[in-house]
Amino acid sequence: MTATPDTTATLAELNYVRNCFLHRGGIVDERAAQEAPRLSGLLGTKIRISEDKSKEYLKAVGDFAQALLKSAFESRYSPVVRS
């Protein structure tokens, strides 16, 4: 399993959502709109996260974590003992 382009785009968006909440009071700034295109329509407005959007973010984080662990376990340097 690898992280898909959609998963990485969603994670990038989530990172900019986080930045907007932490540094701009939840308002989408120019950089967030440029770097996370799905936020471009919200430029200058406060982000509202719907239940569906929160599920999308959670799924992307889970998919990335699974891909990360899978690649770590499959690495020839992995300390995991295989039976």
PDB file of N, CA and C in Angstrom:
ATOM      1  N   MET A   1       0.839  -1.177   0.000  1.00  0.00           N
ATOM      2  CA  MET A   1       0.000   0.000   0.000  1.00  0.00           C
ATOM      3  C   MET A   1       0.888   1.246   0.000  1.00  0.00           C
ATOM      4  N   THR A   2       0.601   2.156  -0.888  1.00  0.00           N
ATOM      5  CA  THR A   2       1.303   3.429  -0.909  1.00  0.00           C
ATOM      6  C   THR A   2       0.281   4.544  -0.778  1.00  0.00           C
ATOM      7  N   ALA A   3       0.741   5.672  -0.328  1.00  0.00           N
ATOM      8  CA  ALA A   3      -0.145   6.833  -0.234  1.00  0.00           C
ATOM      9  C   ALA A   3      -0.436   7.322  -1.652  1.00  0.00           C
ATOM     10  N   THR A   4      -1.702   7.470  -1.979  1.00  0.00           N
ATOM     11  CA  THR A   4      -2.104   7.918  -3.314  1.00  0.00           C
ATOM     12  C   THR A   4      -1.930   9.432  -3.439  1.00  0.00           C
ATOM     13  N   PRO A   5      -1.908   9.939  -4.663  1.00  0.00           N
ATOM     14  CA  PRO A   5      -1.845  11.396  -4.834  1.00  0.00           C
ATOM     15  C   PRO A   5      -3.008  12.115  -4.146  1.00  0.00           C
ATOM     16  N   ASP A   6      -4.182  11.495  -4.146  1.00  0.00           N
ATOM     17  CA  ASP A   6      -5.329  12.112  -3.472  1.00  0.00           C
ATOM     18  C   ASP A   6      -5.095  12.176  -1.963  1.00  0.00           C
ATOM     19  N   THR A   7      -4.520  11.104  -1.405  1.00  0.00           N
ATOM     20  CA  THR A   7      -4.219  11.090   0.029  1.00  0.00           C
ATOM     21  C   THR A   7      -3.208  12.167   0.369  1.00  0.00           C
ATOM     22  N   THR A   8      -2.167  12.283  -0.415  1.00  0.00           N
ATOM     23  CA  THR A   8      -1.150  13.299  -0.118  1.00  0.00           C
ATOM     24  C   THR A   8      -1.706  14.710  -0.302  1.00  0.00           C
ATOM     25  N   ALA A   9      -2.593  14.918  -1.276  1.00  0.00           N
ATOM     26  CA  ALA A   9      -3.227  16.225  -1.453  1.00  0.00           C
ATOM     27  C   ALA A   9      -4.114  16.561  -0.254  1.00  0.00           C
ATOM     28  N   THR A  10      -4.832  15.566   0.234  1.00  0.00           N
ATOM     29  CA  THR A  10      -5.689  15.781   1.401  1.00  0.00           C
ATOM     30  C   THR A  10      -4.852  16.075   2.641  1.00  0.00           C
ATOM     31  N   LEU A  11      -3.730  15.380   2.795  1.00  0.00           N
ATOM     32  CA  LEU A  11      -2.841  15.649   3.932  1.00  0.00           C
ATOM     33  C   LEU A  11      -2.243  17.053   3.839  1.00  0.00           C
ATOM     34  N   ALA A  12      -1.872  17.474   2.645  1.00  0.00           N
ATOM     35  CA  ALA A  12      -1.345  18.828   2.464  1.00  0.00           C
ATOM     36  C   ALA A  12      -2.415  19.854   2.830  1.00  0.00           C
ATOM     37  N   GLU A  13      -3.628  19.608   2.384  1.00  0.00           N
ATOM     38  CA  GLU A  13      -4.738  20.508   2.721  1.00  0.00           C
ATOM     39  C   GLU A  13      -4.932  20.561   4.234  1.00  0.00           C
ATOM     40  N   LEU A  14      -4.927  19.408   4.865  1.00  0.00           N
ATOM     41  CA  LEU A  14      -5.097  19.350   6.319  1.00  0.00           C
ATOM     42  C   LEU A  14      -3.997  20.134   7.030  1.00  0.00           C
ATOM     43  N   ASN A  15      -2.782  20.044   6.532  1.00  0.00           N
ATOM     44  CA  ASN A  15      -1.681  20.805   7.118  1.00  0.00           C
ATOM     45  C   ASN A  15      -1.951  22.307   7.021  1.00  0.00           C
ATOM     46  N   TYR A  16      -2.452  22.771   5.885  1.00  0.00           N
ATOM     47  CA  TYR A  16      -2.747  24.197   5.741  1.00  0.00           C
ATOM     48  C   TYR A  16      -3.974  24.605   6.556  1.00  0.00           C
ATOM     49  N   VAL A  17      -4.935  23.715   6.694  1.00  0.00           N
ATOM     50  CA  VAL A  17      -6.073  23.989   7.575  1.00  0.00           C
ATOM     51  C   VAL A  17      -5.563  24.185   9.001  1.00  0.00           C
ATOM     52  N   ARG A  18      -4.683  23.298   9.422  1.00  0.00           N
ATOM     53  CA  ARG A  18      -4.076  23.407  10.750  1.00  0.00           C
ATOM     54  C   ARG A  18      -3.365  24.742  10.920  1.00  0.00           C
ATOM     55  N   ASN A  19      -2.543  25.099   9.912  1.00  0.00           N
ATOM     56  CA  ASN A  19      -1.816  26.362   9.983  1.00  0.00           C
ATOM     57  C   ASN A  19      -2.761  27.560  10.067  1.00  0.00           C
ATOM     58  N   CYS A  20      -3.827  27.519   9.294  1.00  0.00           N
ATOM     59  CA  CYS A  20      -4.790  28.624   9.329  1.00  0.00           C
ATOM     60  C   CYS A  20      -5.432  28.745  10.713  1.00  0.00           C
ATOM     61  N   PHE A  21      -5.779  27.618  11.326  1.00  0.00           N
ATOM     62  CA  PHE A  21      -6.372  27.667  12.666  1.00  0.00           C
ATOM     63  C   PHE A  21      -5.369  28.144  13.710  1.00  0.00           C
ATOM     64  N   LEU A  22      -4.136  27.675  13.624  1.00  0.00           N
ATOM     65  CA  LEU A  22      -3.148  28.033  14.634  1.00  0.00           C
ATOM     66  C   LEU A  22      -2.606  29.444  14.490  1.00  0.00           C
ATOM     67  N   HIS A  23      -2.508  29.934  13.263  1.00  0.00           N
ATOM     68  CA  HIS A  23      -1.828  31.209  13.040  1.00  0.00           C
ATOM     69  C   HIS A  23      -2.705  32.329  12.498  1.00  0.00           C
ATOM     70  N   ARG A  24      -3.915  31.989  12.023  1.00  0.00           N
ATOM     71  CA  ARG A  24      -4.744  33.025  11.382  1.00  0.00           C
ATOM     72  C   ARG A  24      -6.185  33.006  11.873  1.00  0.00           C
ATOM     73  N   GLY A  25      -6.428  32.357  12.999  1.00  0.00           N
ATOM     74  CA  GLY A  25      -7.790  32.334  13.537  1.00  0.00           C
ATOM     75  C   GLY A  25      -8.777  31.573  12.669  1.00  0.00           C
ATOM     76  N   GLY A  26      -8.261  30.649  11.857  1.00  0.00           N
ATOM     77  CA  GLY A  26      -9.123  29.846  10.995  1.00  0.00           C
ATOM     78  C   GLY A  26      -9.400  30.467   9.638  1.00  0.00           C
ATOM     79  N   ILE A  27      -8.814  31.626   9.365  1.00  0.00           N
ATOM     80  CA  ILE A  27      -9.032  32.315   8.091  1.00  0.00           C
ATOM     81  C   ILE A  27      -8.037  31.806   7.047  1.00  0.00           C
ATOM     82  N   VAL A  28      -8.547  31.459   5.858  1.00  0.00           N
ATOM     83  CA  VAL A  28      -7.695  30.969   4.770  1.00  0.00           C
ATOM     84  C   VAL A  28      -6.911  32.146   4.183  1.00  0.00           C
ATOM     85  N   ASP A  29      -5.594  32.025   4.193  1.00  0.00           N
ATOM     86  CA  ASP A  29      -4.739  33.069   3.636  1.00  0.00           C
ATOM     87  C   ASP A  29      -4.289  32.698   2.224  1.00  0.00           C
ATOM     88  N   GLU A  30      -3.567  33.597   1.598  1.00  0.00           N
ATOM     89  CA  GLU A  30      -3.115  33.415   0.209  1.00  0.00           C
ATOM     90  C   GLU A  30      -2.262  32.162   0.045  1.00  0.00           C
ATOM     91  N   ARG A  31      -1.345  31.945   0.963  1.00  0.00           N
ATOM     92  CA  ARG A  31      -0.454  30.781   0.844  1.00  0.00           C
ATOM     93  C   ARG A  31      -1.250  29.480   0.921  1.00  0.00           C
ATOM     94  N   ALA A  32      -2.170  29.390   1.868  1.00  0.00           N
ATOM     95  CA  ALA A  32      -2.989  28.177   1.995  1.00  0.00           C
ATOM     96  C   ALA A  32      -3.805  27.958   0.722  1.00  0.00           C
ATOM     97  N   ALA A  33      -4.365  29.021   0.183  1.00  0.00           N
ATOM     98  CA  ALA A  33      -5.168  28.911  -1.034  1.00  0.00           C
ATOM     99  C   ALA A  33      -4.322  28.457  -2.223  1.00  0.00           C
ATOM    100  N   GLN A  34      -3.062  28.902  -2.272  1.00  0.00           N
ATOM    101  CA  GLN A  34      -2.185  28.500  -3.367  1.00  0.00           C
ATOM    102  C   GLN A  34      -1.683  27.069  -3.206  1.00  0.00           C
ATOM    103  N   GLU A  35      -1.290  26.710  -2.004  1.00  0.00           N
ATOM    104  CA  GLU A  35      -0.683  25.402  -1.763  1.00  0.00           C
ATOM    105  C   GLU A  35      -1.701  24.272  -1.641  1.00  0.00           C
ATOM    106  N   ALA A  36      -2.910  24.594  -1.234  1.00  0.00           N
ATOM    107  CA  ALA A  36      -3.981  23.599  -1.103  1.00  0.00           C
ATOM    108  C   ALA A  36      -5.160  24.102  -1.940  1.00  0.00           C
ATOM    109  N   PRO A  37      -5.162  23.790  -3.240  1.00  0.00           N
ATOM    110  CA  PRO A  37      -6.143  24.354  -4.174  1.00  0.00           C
ATOM    111  C   PRO A  37      -7.609  24.208  -3.763  1.00  0.00           C
ATOM    112  N   ARG A  38      -7.923  23.155  -3.007  1.00  0.00           N
ATOM    113  CA  ARG A  38      -9.318  23.005  -2.587  1.00  0.00           C
ATOM    114  C   ARG A  38      -9.730  24.068  -1.571  1.00  0.00           C
ATOM    115  N   LEU A  39      -8.756  24.797  -1.030  1.00  0.00           N
ATOM    116  CA  LEU A  39      -9.074  25.894  -0.108  1.00  0.00           C
ATOM    117  C   LEU A  39      -9.188  27.235  -0.833  1.00  0.00           C
ATOM    118  N   SER A  40      -8.856  27.272  -2.116  1.00  0.00           N
ATOM    119  CA  SER A  40      -8.811  28.551  -2.844  1.00  0.00           C
ATOM    120  C   SER A  40     -10.154  29.276  -2.855  1.00  0.00           C
ATOM    121  N   GLY A  41     -11.228  28.542  -2.891  1.00  0.00           N
ATOM    122  CA  GLY A  41     -12.552  29.169  -2.873  1.00  0.00           C
ATOM    123  C   GLY A  41     -12.914  29.759  -1.527  1.00  0.00           C
ATOM    124  N   LEU A  42     -12.103  29.486  -0.522  1.00  0.00           N
ATOM    125  CA  LEU A  42     -12.363  29.987   0.834  1.00  0.00           C
ATOM    126  C   LEU A  42     -11.445  31.132   1.224  1.00  0.00           C
ATOM    127  N   LEU A  43     -10.641  31.622   0.287  1.00  0.00           N
ATOM    128  CA  LEU A  43      -9.677  32.680   0.573  1.00  0.00           C
ATOM    129  C   LEU A  43     -10.361  33.834   1.320  1.00  0.00           C
ATOM    130  N   GLY A  44      -9.783  34.179   2.466  1.00  0.00           N
ATOM    131  CA  GLY A  44     -10.293  35.290   3.263  1.00  0.00           C
ATOM    132  C   GLY A  44     -11.458  34.950   4.166  1.00  0.00           C
ATOM    133  N   THR A  45     -11.902  33.702   4.132  1.00  0.00           N
ATOM    134  CA  THR A  45     -13.028  33.314   4.991  1.00  0.00           C
ATOM    135  C   THR A  45     -12.564  32.316   6.047  1.00  0.00           C
ATOM    136  N   LYS A  46     -13.421  32.138   7.046  1.00  0.00           N
ATOM    137  CA  LYS A  46     -13.107  31.203   8.125  1.00  0.00           C
ATOM    138  C   LYS A  46     -13.467  29.784   7.690  1.00  0.00           C
ATOM    139  N   ILE A  47     -12.572  28.872   7.967  1.00  0.00           N
ATOM    140  CA  ILE A  47     -12.768  27.466   7.614  1.00  0.00           C
ATOM    141  C   ILE A  47     -13.820  26.852   8.530  1.00  0.00           C
ATOM    142  N   ARG A  48     -14.719  26.114   7.917  1.00  0.00           N
ATOM    143  CA  ARG A  48     -15.685  25.311   8.665  1.00  0.00           C
ATOM    144  C   ARG A  48     -15.502  23.879   8.199  1.00  0.00           C
ATOM    145  N   ILE A  49     -15.318  22.980   9.121  1.00  0.00           N
ATOM    146  CA  ILE A  49     -15.055  21.582   8.774  1.00  0.00           C
ATOM    147  C   ILE A  49     -16.313  20.762   9.035  1.00  0.00           C
ATOM    148  N   SER A  50     -16.878  20.244   7.957  1.00  0.00           N
ATOM    149  CA  SER A  50     -18.077  19.419   8.060  1.00  0.00           C
ATOM    150  C   SER A  50     -17.710  18.023   8.579  1.00  0.00           C
ATOM    151  N   GLU A  51     -18.703  17.270   8.936  1.00  0.00           N
ATOM    152  CA  GLU A  51     -18.464  15.895   9.375  1.00  0.00           C
ATOM    153  C   GLU A  51     -17.834  15.081   8.246  1.00  0.00           C
ATOM    154  N   ASP A  52     -18.317  15.264   7.020  1.00  0.00           N
ATOM    155  CA  ASP A  52     -17.747  14.532   5.882  1.00  0.00           C
ATOM    156  C   ASP A  52     -16.282  14.904   5.651  1.00  0.00           C
ATOM    157  N   LYS A  53     -15.969  16.202   5.776  1.00  0.00           N
ATOM    158  CA  LYS A  53     -14.588  16.650   5.583  1.00  0.00           C
ATOM    159  C   LYS A  53     -13.696  16.102   6.684  1.00  0.00           C
ATOM    160  N   SER A  54     -14.182  16.067   7.918  1.00  0.00           N
ATOM    161  CA  SER A  54     -13.368  15.523   9.007  1.00  0.00           C
ATOM    162  C   SER A  54     -13.115  14.032   8.793  1.00  0.00           C
ATOM    163  N   LYS A  55     -14.089  13.326   8.256  1.00  0.00           N
ATOM    164  CA  LYS A  55     -13.901  11.903   7.948  1.00  0.00           C
ATOM    165  C   LYS A  55     -12.876  11.733   6.819  1.00  0.00           C
ATOM    166  N   GLU A  56     -12.913  12.621   5.839  1.00  0.00           N
ATOM    167  CA  GLU A  56     -11.930  12.583   4.742  1.00  0.00           C
ATOM    168  C   GLU A  56     -10.518  12.792   5.289  1.00  0.00           C
ATOM    169  N   TYR A  57     -10.361  13.786   6.179  1.00  0.00           N
ATOM    170  CA  TYR A  57      -9.056  14.046   6.780  1.00  0.00           C
ATOM    171  C   TYR A  57      -8.592  12.849   7.612  1.00  0.00           C
ATOM    172  N   LEU A  58      -9.477  12.295   8.397  1.00  0.00           N
ATOM    173  CA  LEU A  58      -9.125  11.146   9.240  1.00  0.00           C
ATOM    174  C   LEU A  58      -8.731   9.944   8.380  1.00  0.00           C
ATOM    175  N   LYS A  59      -9.454   9.701   7.302  1.00  0.00           N
ATOM    176  CA  LYS A  59      -9.114   8.589   6.413  1.00  0.00           C
ATOM    177  C   LYS A  59      -7.739   8.794   5.791  1.00  0.00           C
ATOM    178  N   ALA A  60      -7.447  10.016   5.343  1.00  0.00           N
ATOM    179  CA  ALA A  60      -6.142  10.300   4.734  1.00  0.00           C
ATOM    180  C   ALA A  60      -5.015  10.067   5.733  1.00  0.00           C
ATOM    181  N   VAL A  61      -5.206  10.507   6.964  1.00  0.00           N
ATOM    182  CA  VAL A  61      -4.183  10.293   8.001  1.00  0.00           C
ATOM    183  C   VAL A  61      -4.000   8.797   8.246  1.00  0.00           C
ATOM    184  N   GLY A  62      -5.100   8.053   8.331  1.00  0.00           N
ATOM    185  CA  GLY A  62      -5.019   6.605   8.532  1.00  0.00           C
ATOM    186  C   GLY A  62      -4.351   5.896   7.368  1.00  0.00           C
ATOM    187  N   ASP A  63      -4.706   6.275   6.146  1.00  0.00           N
ATOM    188  CA  ASP A  63      -4.098   5.662   4.966  1.00  0.00           C
ATOM    189  C   ASP A  63      -2.595   5.922   4.927  1.00  0.00           C
ATOM    190  N   PHE A  64      -2.208   7.163   5.270  1.00  0.00           N
ATOM    191  CA  PHE A  64      -0.788   7.498   5.278  1.00  0.00           C
ATOM    192  C   PHE A  64      -0.052   6.703   6.354  1.00  0.00           C
ATOM    193  N   ALA A  65      -0.649   6.613   7.535  1.00  0.00           N
ATOM    194  CA  ALA A  65      -0.010   5.864   8.626  1.00  0.00           C
ATOM    195  C   ALA A  65       0.162   4.396   8.244  1.00  0.00           C
ATOM    196  N   GLN A  66      -0.841   3.810   7.608  1.00  0.00           N
ATOM    197  CA  GLN A  66      -0.731   2.418   7.171  1.00  0.00           C
ATOM    198  C   GLN A  66       0.372   2.252   6.139  1.00  0.00           C
ATOM    199  N   ALA A  67       0.437   3.154   5.174  1.00  0.00           N
ATOM    200  CA  ALA A  67       1.483   3.083   4.150  1.00  0.00           C
ATOM    201  C   ALA A  67       2.862   3.246   4.782  1.00  0.00           C
ATOM    202  N   LEU A  68       2.977   4.147   5.730  1.00  0.00           N
ATOM    203  CA  LEU A  68       4.246   4.380   6.416  1.00  0.00           C
ATOM    204  C   LEU A  68       4.691   3.137   7.178  1.00  0.00           C
ATOM    205  N   LEU A  69       3.791   2.549   7.941  1.00  0.00           N
ATOM    206  CA  LEU A  69       4.134   1.347   8.704  1.00  0.00           C
ATOM    207  C   LEU A  69       4.445   0.169   7.798  1.00  0.00           C
ATOM    208  N   LYS A  70       3.667   0.018   6.724  1.00  0.00           N
ATOM    209  CA  LYS A  70       3.911  -1.089   5.799  1.00  0.00           C
ATOM    210  C   LYS A  70       5.305  -0.984   5.196  1.00  0.00           C
ATOM    211  N   SER A  71       5.672   0.212   4.761  1.00  0.00           N
ATOM    212  CA  SER A  71       6.998   0.366   4.160  1.00  0.00           C
ATOM    213  C   SER A  71       8.096   0.161   5.197  1.00  0.00           C
ATOM    214  N   ALA A  72       7.857   0.590   6.424  1.00  0.00           N
ATOM    215  CA  ALA A  72       8.855   0.382   7.481  1.00  0.00           C
ATOM    216  C   ALA A  72       9.022  -1.107   7.777  1.00  0.00           C
ATOM    217  N   PHE A  73       7.921  -1.830   7.853  1.00  0.00           N
ATOM    218  CA  PHE A  73       7.999  -3.263   8.141  1.00  0.00           C
ATOM    219  C   PHE A  73       8.623  -4.052   6.999  1.00  0.00           C
ATOM    220  N   GLU A  74       8.429  -3.569   5.770  1.00  0.00           N
ATOM    221  CA  GLU A  74       8.960  -4.281   4.609  1.00  0.00           C
ATOM    222  C   GLU A  74      10.415  -3.917   4.302  1.00  0.00           C
ATOM    223  N   SER A  75      10.928  -2.920   4.965  1.00  0.00           N
ATOM    224  CA  SER A  75      12.305  -2.501   4.730  1.00  0.00           C
ATOM    225  C   SER A  75      13.278  -3.603   5.142  1.00  0.00           C
ATOM    226  N   ARG A  76      14.338  -3.721   4.395  1.00  0.00           N
ATOM    227  CA  ARG A  76      15.345  -4.725   4.761  1.00  0.00           C
ATOM    228  C   ARG A  76      16.040  -4.361   6.071  1.00  0.00           C
ATOM    229  N   TYR A  77      15.878  -3.142   6.528  1.00  0.00           N
ATOM    230  CA  TYR A  77      16.471  -2.692   7.784  1.00  0.00           C
ATOM    231  C   TYR A  77      15.500  -2.780   8.960  1.00  0.00           C
ATOM    232  N   SER A  78      14.294  -3.270   8.699  1.00  0.00           N
ATOM    233  CA  SER A  78      13.284  -3.349   9.741  1.00  0.00           C
ATOM    234  C   SER A  78      13.705  -4.282  10.879  1.00  0.00           C
ATOM    235  N   PRO A  79      13.500  -3.850  12.129  1.00  0.00           N
ATOM    236  CA  PRO A  79      13.814  -4.705  13.255  1.00  0.00           C
ATOM    237  C   PRO A  79      12.717  -5.740  13.531  1.00  0.00           C
ATOM    238  N   VAL A  80      11.643  -5.718  12.743  1.00  0.00           N
ATOM    239  CA  VAL A  80      10.535  -6.636  12.963  1.00  0.00           C
ATOM    240  C   VAL A  80      10.987  -8.054  12.618  1.00  0.00           C
ATOM    241  N   VAL A  81      10.746  -8.970  13.524  1.00  0.00           N
ATOM    242  CA  VAL A  81      11.101 -10.374  13.306  1.00  0.00           C
ATOM    243  C   VAL A  81       9.947 -11.042  12.577  1.00  0.00           C
ATOM    244  N   ARG A  82      10.276 -11.644  11.452  1.00  0.00           N
ATOM    245  CA  ARG A  82       9.260 -12.357  10.681  1.00  0.00           C
ATOM    246  C   ARG A  82       9.323 -13.843  11.012  1.00  0.00           C
ATOM    247  N   SER A  83       8.142 -14.429  11.157  1.00  0.00           N
ATOM    248  CA  SER A  83       8.132 -15.870  11.471  1.00  0.00           C
ATOM    249  C   SER A  83       8.053 -16.717  10.229  1.00  0.00           C
TER     250      SER A  83
END
